[in-house]
Full PDB file with SEQRES, HELIX, SHEET, SSBOND, CRYST1, ORIGX, SCALE, CONECT and MASTER records, all heavy atoms in Angstrom:
SEQRES   1 A   38  TYR ARG ALA ASP VAL ALA SER SER GLY ILE GLU LEU ILE          
SEQRES   2 A   38  GLY LEU CYS GLY LEU TRP PHE GLY GLY PRO HIS GLN ALA          
SEQRES   3 A   38  LEU ALA GLY GLU PRO ALA GLN LEU ARG THR GLY ASN              
HELIX    1 AA1 ARG A    2  SER A    7  1                                   6    
HELIX    2 AA2 PRO A   31  GLY A   37  1                                   7    
CRYST1    1.000    1.000    1.000  90.00  90.00  90.00 P 1           1          
ORIGX1      1.000000  0.000000  0.000000        0.00000                         
ORIGX2      0.000000  1.000000  0.000000        0.00000                         
ORIGX3      0.000000  0.000000  1.000000        0.00000                         
SCALE1      1.000000  0.000000  0.000000        0.00000                         
SCALE2      0.000000  1.000000  0.000000        0.00000                         
SCALE3      0.000000  0.000000  1.000000        0.00000                         
ATOM      1  N   TYR A   1     -87.342 -38.094 162.303  1.00  0.00           N  
ATOM      2  CA  TYR A   1     -88.610 -38.656 162.809  1.00  0.00           C  
ATOM      3  C   TYR A   1     -89.791 -37.924 162.365  1.00  0.00           C  
ATOM      4  O   TYR A   1     -90.780 -38.514 161.953  1.00  0.00           O  
ATOM      5  CB  TYR A   1     -88.524 -38.709 164.306  1.00  0.00           C  
ATOM      6  CG  TYR A   1     -89.789 -39.122 165.063  1.00  0.00           C  
ATOM      7  CD1 TYR A   1     -90.182 -40.474 165.051  1.00  0.00           C  
ATOM      8  CD2 TYR A   1     -90.621 -38.162 165.629  1.00  0.00           C  
ATOM      9  CE1 TYR A   1     -91.342 -40.818 165.756  1.00  0.00           C  
ATOM     10  CE2 TYR A   1     -91.771 -38.601 166.228  1.00  0.00           C  
ATOM     11  CZ  TYR A   1     -92.158 -39.907 166.321  1.00  0.00           C  
ATOM     12  OH  TYR A   1     -93.266 -40.237 166.972  1.00  0.00           O  
ATOM     13  N   ARG A   2     -89.777 -36.604 162.531  1.00  0.00           N  
ATOM     14  CA  ARG A   2     -90.937 -35.802 162.173  1.00  0.00           C  
ATOM     15  C   ARG A   2     -91.222 -35.957 160.599  1.00  0.00           C  
ATOM     16  O   ARG A   2     -92.456 -35.995 160.232  1.00  0.00           O  
ATOM     17  CB  ARG A   2     -90.688 -34.380 162.485  1.00  0.00           C  
ATOM     18  CG  ARG A   2     -90.689 -34.023 163.945  1.00  0.00           C  
ATOM     19  CD  ARG A   2     -90.832 -32.503 164.217  1.00  0.00           C  
ATOM     20  NE  ARG A   2     -90.621 -32.081 165.536  1.00  0.00           N  
ATOM     21  CZ  ARG A   2     -91.481 -32.186 166.503  1.00  0.00           C  
ATOM     22  NH1 ARG A   2     -92.613 -32.785 166.288  1.00  0.00           N  
ATOM     23  NH2 ARG A   2     -91.187 -31.745 167.751  1.00  0.00           N  
ATOM     24  N   ALA A   3     -90.234 -36.093 159.809  1.00  0.00           N  
ATOM     25  CA  ALA A   3     -90.479 -36.124 158.352  1.00  0.00           C  
ATOM     26  C   ALA A   3     -91.134 -37.456 158.102  1.00  0.00           C  
ATOM     27  O   ALA A   3     -92.073 -37.550 157.253  1.00  0.00           O  
ATOM     28  CB  ALA A   3     -89.162 -36.039 157.640  1.00  0.00           C  
ATOM     29  N   ASP A   4     -90.683 -38.514 158.723  1.00  0.00           N  
ATOM     30  CA  ASP A   4     -91.235 -39.867 158.576  1.00  0.00           C  
ATOM     31  C   ASP A   4     -92.763 -39.879 159.030  1.00  0.00           C  
ATOM     32  O   ASP A   4     -93.592 -40.406 158.264  1.00  0.00           O  
ATOM     33  CB  ASP A   4     -90.435 -40.880 159.332  1.00  0.00           C  
ATOM     34  CG  ASP A   4     -91.008 -42.273 159.097  1.00  0.00           C  
ATOM     35  OD1 ASP A   4     -90.823 -42.799 157.988  1.00  0.00           O  
ATOM     36  OD2 ASP A   4     -91.594 -42.863 160.043  1.00  0.00           O  
ATOM     37  N   VAL A   5     -93.014 -39.234 160.141  1.00  0.00           N  
ATOM     38  CA  VAL A   5     -94.395 -39.203 160.654  1.00  0.00           C  
ATOM     39  C   VAL A   5     -95.256 -38.416 159.703  1.00  0.00           C  
ATOM     40  O   VAL A   5     -96.456 -38.801 159.353  1.00  0.00           O  
ATOM     41  CB  VAL A   5     -94.440 -38.565 162.004  1.00  0.00           C  
ATOM     42  CG1 VAL A   5     -95.833 -38.305 162.507  1.00  0.00           C  
ATOM     43  CG2 VAL A   5     -93.703 -39.507 163.079  1.00  0.00           C  
ATOM     44  N   ALA A   6     -94.751 -37.294 159.251  1.00  0.00           N  
ATOM     45  CA  ALA A   6     -95.578 -36.426 158.298  1.00  0.00           C  
ATOM     46  C   ALA A   6     -95.883 -37.072 157.049  1.00  0.00           C  
ATOM     47  O   ALA A   6     -96.941 -36.940 156.465  1.00  0.00           O  
ATOM     48  CB  ALA A   6     -94.829 -35.112 158.059  1.00  0.00           C  
ATOM     49  N   SER A   7     -94.960 -37.842 156.540  1.00  0.00           N  
ATOM     50  CA  SER A   7     -95.148 -38.496 155.271  1.00  0.00           C  
ATOM     51  C   SER A   7     -96.243 -39.665 155.359  1.00  0.00           C  
ATOM     52  O   SER A   7     -96.767 -40.025 154.295  1.00  0.00           O  
ATOM     53  CB  SER A   7     -93.844 -39.195 154.747  1.00  0.00           C  
ATOM     54  OG  SER A   7     -93.495 -40.322 155.637  1.00  0.00           O  
ATOM     55  N   SER A   8     -96.587 -40.077 156.521  1.00  0.00           N  
ATOM     56  CA  SER A   8     -97.643 -41.044 156.743  1.00  0.00           C  
ATOM     57  C   SER A   8     -98.928 -40.418 157.102  1.00  0.00           C  
ATOM     58  O   SER A   8     -99.898 -41.152 157.339  1.00  0.00           O  
ATOM     59  CB  SER A   8     -97.216 -42.031 157.836  1.00  0.00           C  
ATOM     60  OG  SER A   8     -95.964 -42.724 157.482  1.00  0.00           O  
ATOM     61  N   GLY A   9     -99.005 -39.102 157.189  1.00  0.00           N  
ATOM     62  CA  GLY A   9    -100.271 -38.430 157.439  1.00  0.00           C  
ATOM     63  C   GLY A   9    -100.769 -38.552 158.874  1.00  0.00           C  
ATOM     64  O   GLY A   9    -101.975 -38.426 159.134  1.00  0.00           O  
ATOM     65  N   ILE A  10     -99.817 -38.793 159.865  1.00  0.00           N  
ATOM     66  CA  ILE A  10    -100.210 -39.046 161.254  1.00  0.00           C  
ATOM     67  C   ILE A  10    -100.216 -37.699 161.924  1.00  0.00           C  
ATOM     68  O   ILE A  10     -99.385 -36.786 161.736  1.00  0.00           O  
ATOM     69  CB  ILE A  10     -99.167 -39.909 161.879  1.00  0.00           C  
ATOM     70  CG1 ILE A  10     -99.146 -41.277 161.241  1.00  0.00           C  
ATOM     71  CG2 ILE A  10     -99.475 -39.999 163.390  1.00  0.00           C  
ATOM     72  CD1 ILE A  10     -97.956 -42.110 161.645  1.00  0.00           C  
ATOM     73  N   GLU A  11    -101.252 -37.415 162.837  1.00  0.00           N  
ATOM     74  CA  GLU A  11    -101.397 -36.263 163.608  1.00  0.00           C  
ATOM     75  C   GLU A  11    -100.622 -36.495 164.925  1.00  0.00           C  
ATOM     76  O   GLU A  11    -101.176 -37.012 165.860  1.00  0.00           O  
ATOM     77  CB  GLU A  11    -102.852 -35.898 163.874  1.00  0.00           C  
ATOM     78  CG  GLU A  11    -102.988 -34.611 164.684  1.00  0.00           C  
ATOM     79  CD  GLU A  11    -104.407 -34.373 165.148  1.00  0.00           C  
ATOM     80  OE1 GLU A  11    -105.256 -34.986 164.745  1.00  0.00           O  
ATOM     81  OE2 GLU A  11    -104.571 -33.469 166.004  1.00  0.00           O  
ATOM     82  N   LEU A  12     -99.358 -36.092 164.974  1.00  0.00           N  
ATOM     83  CA  LEU A  12     -98.576 -36.306 166.172  1.00  0.00           C  
ATOM     84  C   LEU A  12     -98.829 -35.135 167.112  1.00  0.00           C  
ATOM     85  O   LEU A  12     -98.677 -33.959 166.796  1.00  0.00           O  
ATOM     86  CB  LEU A  12     -97.048 -36.403 165.788  1.00  0.00           C  
ATOM     87  CG  LEU A  12     -96.121 -36.643 166.941  1.00  0.00           C  
ATOM     88  CD1 LEU A  12     -96.155 -38.094 167.321  1.00  0.00           C  
ATOM     89  CD2 LEU A  12     -94.670 -36.321 166.487  1.00  0.00           C  
ATOM     90  N   ILE A  13     -99.229 -35.528 168.399  1.00  0.00           N  
ATOM     91  CA  ILE A  13     -99.461 -34.460 169.389  1.00  0.00           C  
ATOM     92  C   ILE A  13     -98.379 -34.449 170.438  1.00  0.00           C  
ATOM     93  O   ILE A  13     -98.385 -33.534 171.253  1.00  0.00           O  
ATOM     94  CB  ILE A  13    -100.857 -34.618 170.024  1.00  0.00           C  
ATOM     95  CG1 ILE A  13    -100.881 -35.972 170.758  1.00  0.00           C  
ATOM     96  CG2 ILE A  13    -101.971 -34.477 169.032  1.00  0.00           C  
ATOM     97  CD1 ILE A  13    -102.127 -36.065 171.690  1.00  0.00           C  
ATOM     98  N   GLY A  14     -97.467 -35.402 170.441  1.00  0.00           N  
ATOM     99  CA  GLY A  14     -96.412 -35.454 171.396  1.00  0.00           C  
ATOM    100  C   GLY A  14     -95.581 -36.650 171.331  1.00  0.00           C  
ATOM    101  O   GLY A  14     -95.953 -37.712 170.673  1.00  0.00           O  
ATOM    102  N   LEU A  15     -94.389 -36.585 171.927  1.00  0.00           N  
ATOM    103  CA  LEU A  15     -93.481 -37.731 171.882  1.00  0.00           C  
ATOM    104  C   LEU A  15     -92.644 -37.635 173.168  1.00  0.00           C  
ATOM    105  O   LEU A  15     -92.297 -36.534 173.697  1.00  0.00           O  
ATOM    106  CB  LEU A  15     -92.555 -37.828 170.670  1.00  0.00           C  
ATOM    107  CG  LEU A  15     -91.552 -36.691 170.498  1.00  0.00           C  
ATOM    108  CD1 LEU A  15     -90.407 -37.244 169.684  1.00  0.00           C  
ATOM    109  CD2 LEU A  15     -92.149 -35.492 169.811  1.00  0.00           C  
ATOM    110  N   CYS A  16     -92.095 -38.774 173.625  1.00  0.00           N  
ATOM    111  CA  CYS A  16     -91.138 -38.855 174.636  1.00  0.00           C  
ATOM    112  C   CYS A  16     -89.816 -39.274 174.023  1.00  0.00           C  
ATOM    113  O   CYS A  16     -89.753 -40.315 173.342  1.00  0.00           O  
ATOM    114  CB  CYS A  16     -91.457 -39.838 175.765  1.00  0.00           C  
ATOM    115  SG  CYS A  16     -90.311 -39.988 177.128  1.00  0.00           S  
ATOM    116  N   GLY A  17     -88.750 -38.419 174.072  1.00  0.00           N  
ATOM    117  CA  GLY A  17     -87.488 -38.638 173.405  1.00  0.00           C  
ATOM    118  C   GLY A  17     -86.417 -39.187 174.342  1.00  0.00           C  
ATOM    119  O   GLY A  17     -86.251 -38.724 175.451  1.00  0.00           O  
ATOM    120  N   LEU A  18     -85.644 -40.162 173.814  1.00  0.00           N  
ATOM    121  CA  LEU A  18     -84.563 -40.756 174.570  1.00  0.00           C  
ATOM    122  C   LEU A  18     -83.274 -40.435 173.743  1.00  0.00           C  
ATOM    123  O   LEU A  18     -83.180 -40.705 172.589  1.00  0.00           O  
ATOM    124  CB  LEU A  18     -84.760 -42.286 174.641  1.00  0.00           C  
ATOM    125  CG  LEU A  18     -86.267 -42.735 174.884  1.00  0.00           C  
ATOM    126  CD1 LEU A  18     -86.354 -44.232 174.702  1.00  0.00           C  
ATOM    127  CD2 LEU A  18     -86.727 -42.313 176.251  1.00  0.00           C  
ATOM    128  N   TRP A  19     -82.212 -40.113 174.489  1.00  0.00           N  
ATOM    129  CA  TRP A  19     -81.013 -39.780 173.776  1.00  0.00           C  
ATOM    130  C   TRP A  19     -80.121 -40.907 173.549  1.00  0.00           C  
ATOM    131  O   TRP A  19     -79.211 -40.889 172.716  1.00  0.00           O  
ATOM    132  CB  TRP A  19     -80.252 -38.626 174.503  1.00  0.00           C  
ATOM    133  CG  TRP A  19     -79.599 -39.047 175.837  1.00  0.00           C  
ATOM    134  CD1 TRP A  19     -80.133 -38.755 177.052  1.00  0.00           C  
ATOM    135  CD2 TRP A  19     -78.341 -39.611 176.034  1.00  0.00           C  
ATOM    136  NE1 TRP A  19     -79.250 -39.179 178.102  1.00  0.00           N  
ATOM    137  CE2 TRP A  19     -78.198 -39.738 177.442  1.00  0.00           C  
ATOM    138  CE3 TRP A  19     -77.340 -40.107 175.264  1.00  0.00           C  
ATOM    139  CZ2 TRP A  19     -77.039 -40.337 178.031  1.00  0.00           C  
ATOM    140  CZ3 TRP A  19     -76.253 -40.607 175.859  1.00  0.00           C  
ATOM    141  CH2 TRP A  19     -76.112 -40.734 177.200  1.00  0.00           C  
ATOM    142  N   PHE A  20     -80.239 -42.027 174.335  1.00  0.00           N  
ATOM    143  CA  PHE A  20     -79.291 -43.117 174.100  1.00  0.00           C  
ATOM    144  C   PHE A  20     -79.948 -44.296 173.550  1.00  0.00           C  
ATOM    145  O   PHE A  20     -81.144 -44.505 173.668  1.00  0.00           O  
ATOM    146  CB  PHE A  20     -78.573 -43.454 175.480  1.00  0.00           C  
ATOM    147  CG  PHE A  20     -79.455 -44.239 176.490  1.00  0.00           C  
ATOM    148  CD1 PHE A  20     -79.302 -45.572 176.650  1.00  0.00           C  
ATOM    149  CD2 PHE A  20     -80.336 -43.547 177.242  1.00  0.00           C  
ATOM    150  CE1 PHE A  20     -80.041 -46.334 177.563  1.00  0.00           C  
ATOM    151  CE2 PHE A  20     -81.137 -44.288 178.198  1.00  0.00           C  
ATOM    152  CZ  PHE A  20     -80.923 -45.613 178.345  1.00  0.00           C  
ATOM    153  N   GLY A  21     -79.149 -45.122 172.918  1.00  0.00           N  
ATOM    154  CA  GLY A  21     -79.608 -46.258 172.117  1.00  0.00           C  
ATOM    155  C   GLY A  21     -78.720 -46.348 170.860  1.00  0.00           C  
ATOM    156  O   GLY A  21     -78.099 -45.405 170.442  1.00  0.00           O  
ATOM    157  N   GLY A  22     -78.717 -47.543 170.192  1.00  0.00           N  
ATOM    158  CA  GLY A  22     -77.891 -47.762 169.012  1.00  0.00           C  
ATOM    159  C   GLY A  22     -76.479 -47.533 169.327  1.00  0.00           C  
ATOM    160  O   GLY A  22     -75.890 -48.070 170.276  1.00  0.00           O  
ATOM    161  N   PRO A  23     -75.804 -46.647 168.589  1.00  0.00           N  
ATOM    162  CA  PRO A  23     -74.368 -46.379 168.818  1.00  0.00           C  
ATOM    163  C   PRO A  23     -74.044 -45.594 170.108  1.00  0.00           C  
ATOM    164  O   PRO A  23     -72.899 -45.533 170.554  1.00  0.00           O  
ATOM    165  CB  PRO A  23     -73.922 -45.620 167.536  1.00  0.00           C  
ATOM    166  CG  PRO A  23     -75.155 -44.890 167.164  1.00  0.00           C  
ATOM    167  CD  PRO A  23     -76.316 -45.828 167.457  1.00  0.00           C  
ATOM    168  N   HIS A  24     -74.982 -44.946 170.648  1.00  0.00           N  
ATOM    169  CA  HIS A  24     -74.777 -44.156 171.810  1.00  0.00           C  
ATOM    170  C   HIS A  24     -75.347 -44.964 173.090  1.00  0.00           C  
ATOM    171  O   HIS A  24     -76.480 -45.144 173.215  1.00  0.00           O  
ATOM    172  CB  HIS A  24     -75.556 -42.833 171.740  1.00  0.00           C  
ATOM    173  CG  HIS A  24     -75.124 -41.991 170.565  1.00  0.00           C  
ATOM    174  ND1 HIS A  24     -73.994 -41.231 170.595  1.00  0.00           N  
ATOM    175  CD2 HIS A  24     -75.692 -41.875 169.339  1.00  0.00           C  
ATOM    176  CE1 HIS A  24     -73.780 -40.633 169.352  1.00  0.00           C  
ATOM    177  NE2 HIS A  24     -74.889 -40.991 168.614  1.00  0.00           N  
ATOM    178  N   GLN A  25     -74.334 -45.303 173.949  1.00  0.00           N  
ATOM    179  CA  GLN A  25     -74.806 -46.136 175.129  1.00  0.00           C  
ATOM    180  C   GLN A  25     -74.557 -45.231 176.369  1.00  0.00           C  
ATOM    181  O   GLN A  25     -73.872 -44.189 176.388  1.00  0.00           O  
ATOM    182  CB  GLN A  25     -74.022 -47.335 175.169  1.00  0.00           C  
ATOM    183  CG  GLN A  25     -74.422 -48.299 174.033  1.00  0.00           C  
ATOM    184  CD  GLN A  25     -75.839 -48.615 173.909  1.00  0.00           C  
ATOM    185  OE1 GLN A  25     -76.551 -48.763 174.930  1.00  0.00           O  
ATOM    186  NE2 GLN A  25     -76.445 -48.670 172.688  1.00  0.00           N  
ATOM    187  N   ALA A  26     -75.134 -45.678 177.526  1.00  0.00           N  
ATOM    188  CA  ALA A  26     -75.054 -44.958 178.724  1.00  0.00           C  
ATOM    189  C   ALA A  26     -74.516 -45.958 179.820  1.00  0.00           C  
ATOM    190  O   ALA A  26     -75.258 -46.467 180.608  1.00  0.00           O  
ATOM    191  CB  ALA A  26     -76.430 -44.427 179.133  1.00  0.00           C  
ATOM    192  N   LEU A  27     -73.214 -46.091 179.869  1.00  0.00           N  
ATOM    193  CA  LEU A  27     -72.587 -47.098 180.613  1.00  0.00           C  
ATOM    194  C   LEU A  27     -72.050 -46.581 181.985  1.00  0.00           C  
ATOM    195  O   LEU A  27     -71.944 -45.363 182.150  1.00  0.00           O  
ATOM    196  CB  LEU A  27     -71.446 -47.772 179.890  1.00  0.00           C  
ATOM    197  CG  LEU A  27     -71.837 -48.470 178.616  1.00  0.00           C  
ATOM    198  CD1 LEU A  27     -70.596 -48.956 177.889  1.00  0.00           C  
ATOM    199  CD2 LEU A  27     -72.801 -49.580 178.805  1.00  0.00           C  
ATOM    200  N   ALA A  28     -71.804 -47.536 182.915  1.00  0.00           N  
ATOM    201  CA  ALA A  28     -71.277 -47.053 184.226  1.00  0.00           C  
ATOM    202  C   ALA A  28     -69.896 -46.526 184.096  1.00  0.00           C  
ATOM    203  O   ALA A  28     -69.173 -46.853 183.137  1.00  0.00           O  
ATOM    204  CB  ALA A  28     -71.273 -48.311 185.167  1.00  0.00           C  
ATOM    205  N   GLY A  29     -69.564 -45.599 185.000  1.00  0.00           N  
ATOM    206  CA  GLY A  29     -68.199 -44.968 184.925  1.00  0.00           C  
ATOM    207  C   GLY A  29     -67.987 -43.913 183.989  1.00  0.00           C  
ATOM    208  O   GLY A  29     -66.878 -43.438 183.777  1.00  0.00           O  
ATOM    209  N   GLU A  30     -69.081 -43.461 183.340  1.00  0.00           N  
ATOM    210  CA  GLU A  30     -68.992 -42.319 182.365  1.00  0.00           C  
ATOM    211  C   GLU A  30     -69.984 -41.260 182.708  1.00  0.00           C  
ATOM    212  O   GLU A  30     -70.825 -40.845 181.921  1.00  0.00           O  
ATOM    213  CB  GLU A  30     -69.174 -42.876 180.927  1.00  0.00           C  
ATOM    214  CG  GLU A  30     -68.230 -43.993 180.508  1.00  0.00           C  
ATOM    215  CD  GLU A  30     -68.476 -44.488 179.125  1.00  0.00           C  
ATOM    216  OE1 GLU A  30     -69.609 -44.233 178.556  1.00  0.00           O  
ATOM    217  OE2 GLU A  30     -67.688 -45.287 178.644  1.00  0.00           O  
ATOM    218  N   PRO A  31     -69.965 -40.801 183.929  1.00  0.00           N  
ATOM    219  CA  PRO A  31     -70.985 -39.815 184.316  1.00  0.00           C  
ATOM    220  C   PRO A  31     -70.990 -38.482 183.521  1.00  0.00           C  
ATOM    221  O   PRO A  31     -72.049 -37.858 183.315  1.00  0.00           O  
ATOM    222  CB  PRO A  31     -70.706 -39.502 185.776  1.00  0.00           C  
ATOM    223  CG  PRO A  31     -69.250 -39.932 185.970  1.00  0.00           C  
ATOM    224  CD  PRO A  31     -69.010 -41.041 184.988  1.00  0.00           C  
ATOM    225  N   ALA A  32     -69.817 -38.044 183.100  1.00  0.00           N  
ATOM    226  CA  ALA A  32     -69.774 -36.838 182.217  1.00  0.00           C  
ATOM    227  C   ALA A  32     -70.463 -36.993 180.921  1.00  0.00           C  
ATOM    228  O   ALA A  32     -71.161 -36.082 180.488  1.00  0.00           O  
ATOM    229  CB  ALA A  32     -68.295 -36.385 182.022  1.00  0.00           C  
ATOM    230  N   GLN A  33     -70.311 -38.194 180.335  1.00  0.00           N  
ATOM    231  CA  GLN A  33     -71.023 -38.457 179.074  1.00  0.00           C  
ATOM    232  C   GLN A  33     -72.515 -38.464 179.353  1.00  0.00           C  
ATOM    233  O   GLN A  33     -73.325 -37.953 178.465  1.00  0.00           O  
ATOM    234  CB  GLN A  33     -70.555 -39.750 178.506  1.00  0.00           C  
ATOM    235  CG  GLN A  33     -71.253 -40.194 177.195  1.00  0.00           C  
ATOM    236  CD  GLN A  33     -70.802 -41.486 176.687  1.00  0.00           C  
ATOM    237  OE1 GLN A  33     -69.766 -42.013 176.958  1.00  0.00           O  
ATOM    238  NE2 GLN A  33     -71.777 -42.199 175.953  1.00  0.00           N  
ATOM    239  N   LEU A  34     -72.988 -39.112 180.437  1.00  0.00           N  
ATOM    240  CA  LEU A  34     -74.347 -39.146 180.685  1.00  0.00           C  
ATOM    241  C   LEU A  34     -74.938 -37.741 180.863  1.00  0.00           C  
ATOM    242  O   LEU A  34     -75.981 -37.384 180.446  1.00  0.00           O  
ATOM    243  CB  LEU A  34     -74.642 -40.046 181.904  1.00  0.00           C  
ATOM    244  CG  LEU A  34     -74.837 -41.521 181.593  1.00  0.00           C  
ATOM    245  CD1 LEU A  34     -73.694 -42.128 180.844  1.00  0.00           C  
ATOM    246  CD2 LEU A  34     -75.214 -42.201 182.893  1.00  0.00           C  
ATOM    247  N   ARG A  35     -74.174 -36.925 181.598  1.00  0.00           N  
ATOM    248  CA  ARG A  35     -74.596 -35.563 181.865  1.00  0.00           C  
ATOM    249  C   ARG A  35     -74.693 -34.791 180.521  1.00  0.00           C  
ATOM    250  O   ARG A  35     -75.744 -34.071 180.351  1.00  0.00           O  
ATOM    251  CB  ARG A  35     -73.612 -34.844 182.795  1.00  0.00           C  
ATOM    252  CG  ARG A  35     -73.972 -33.479 183.148  1.00  0.00           C  
ATOM    253  CD  ARG A  35     -72.878 -32.807 184.013  1.00  0.00           C  
ATOM    254  NE  ARG A  35     -73.203 -31.440 184.415  1.00  0.00           N  
ATOM    255  CZ  ARG A  35     -73.538 -31.034 185.602  1.00  0.00           C  
ATOM    256  NH1 ARG A  35     -73.667 -31.918 186.602  1.00  0.00           N  
ATOM    257  NH2 ARG A  35     -73.888 -29.754 185.857  1.00  0.00           N  
ATOM    258  N   THR A  36     -73.799 -34.951 179.654  1.00  0.00           N  
ATOM    259  CA  THR A  36     -73.843 -34.313 178.329  1.00  0.00           C  
ATOM    260  C   THR A  36     -75.054 -34.713 177.553  1.00  0.00           C  
ATOM    261  O   THR A  36     -75.810 -33.934 176.947  1.00  0.00           O  
ATOM    262  CB  THR A  36     -72.531 -34.577 177.568  1.00  0.00           C  
ATOM    263  OG1 THR A  36     -71.392 -34.039 178.236  1.00  0.00           O  
ATOM    264  CG2 THR A  36     -72.640 -33.940 176.189  1.00  0.00           C  
ATOM    265  N   GLY A  37     -75.321 -36.060 177.591  1.00  0.00           N  
ATOM    266  CA  GLY A  37     -76.512 -36.523 176.873  1.00  0.00           C  
ATOM    267  C   GLY A  37     -77.823 -36.011 177.443  1.00  0.00           C  
ATOM    268  O   GLY A  37     -78.736 -35.617 176.735  1.00  0.00           O  
ATOM    269  N   ASN A  38     -77.834 -35.957 178.786  1.00  0.00           N  
ATOM    270  CA  ASN A  38     -79.026 -35.417 179.424  1.00  0.00           C  
ATOM    271  C   ASN A  38     -79.283 -33.964 179.105  1.00  0.00           C  
ATOM    272  O   ASN A  38     -80.396 -33.497 178.830  1.00  0.00           O  
ATOM    273  CB  ASN A  38     -78.982 -35.571 180.918  1.00  0.00           C  
ATOM    274  CG  ASN A  38     -79.020 -37.056 181.331  1.00  0.00           C  
ATOM    275  OD1 ASN A  38     -79.458 -37.915 180.578  1.00  0.00           O  
ATOM    276  ND2 ASN A  38     -78.516 -37.351 182.534  1.00  0.00           N  
TER     277      ASN A  38                                                      
MASTER        0    0    0    2    0    0    0    6  276    1    0    3          
END                                                                             
């Protein structure tokens, strides 16, 4: 992400990052997986 932003000349001062999405989901009944992701 940082490489992509830098290549566009954007001055990034901060971001909010999310660990789940795409192939990584956060479903019910998997609290250990959610804890690991967090």
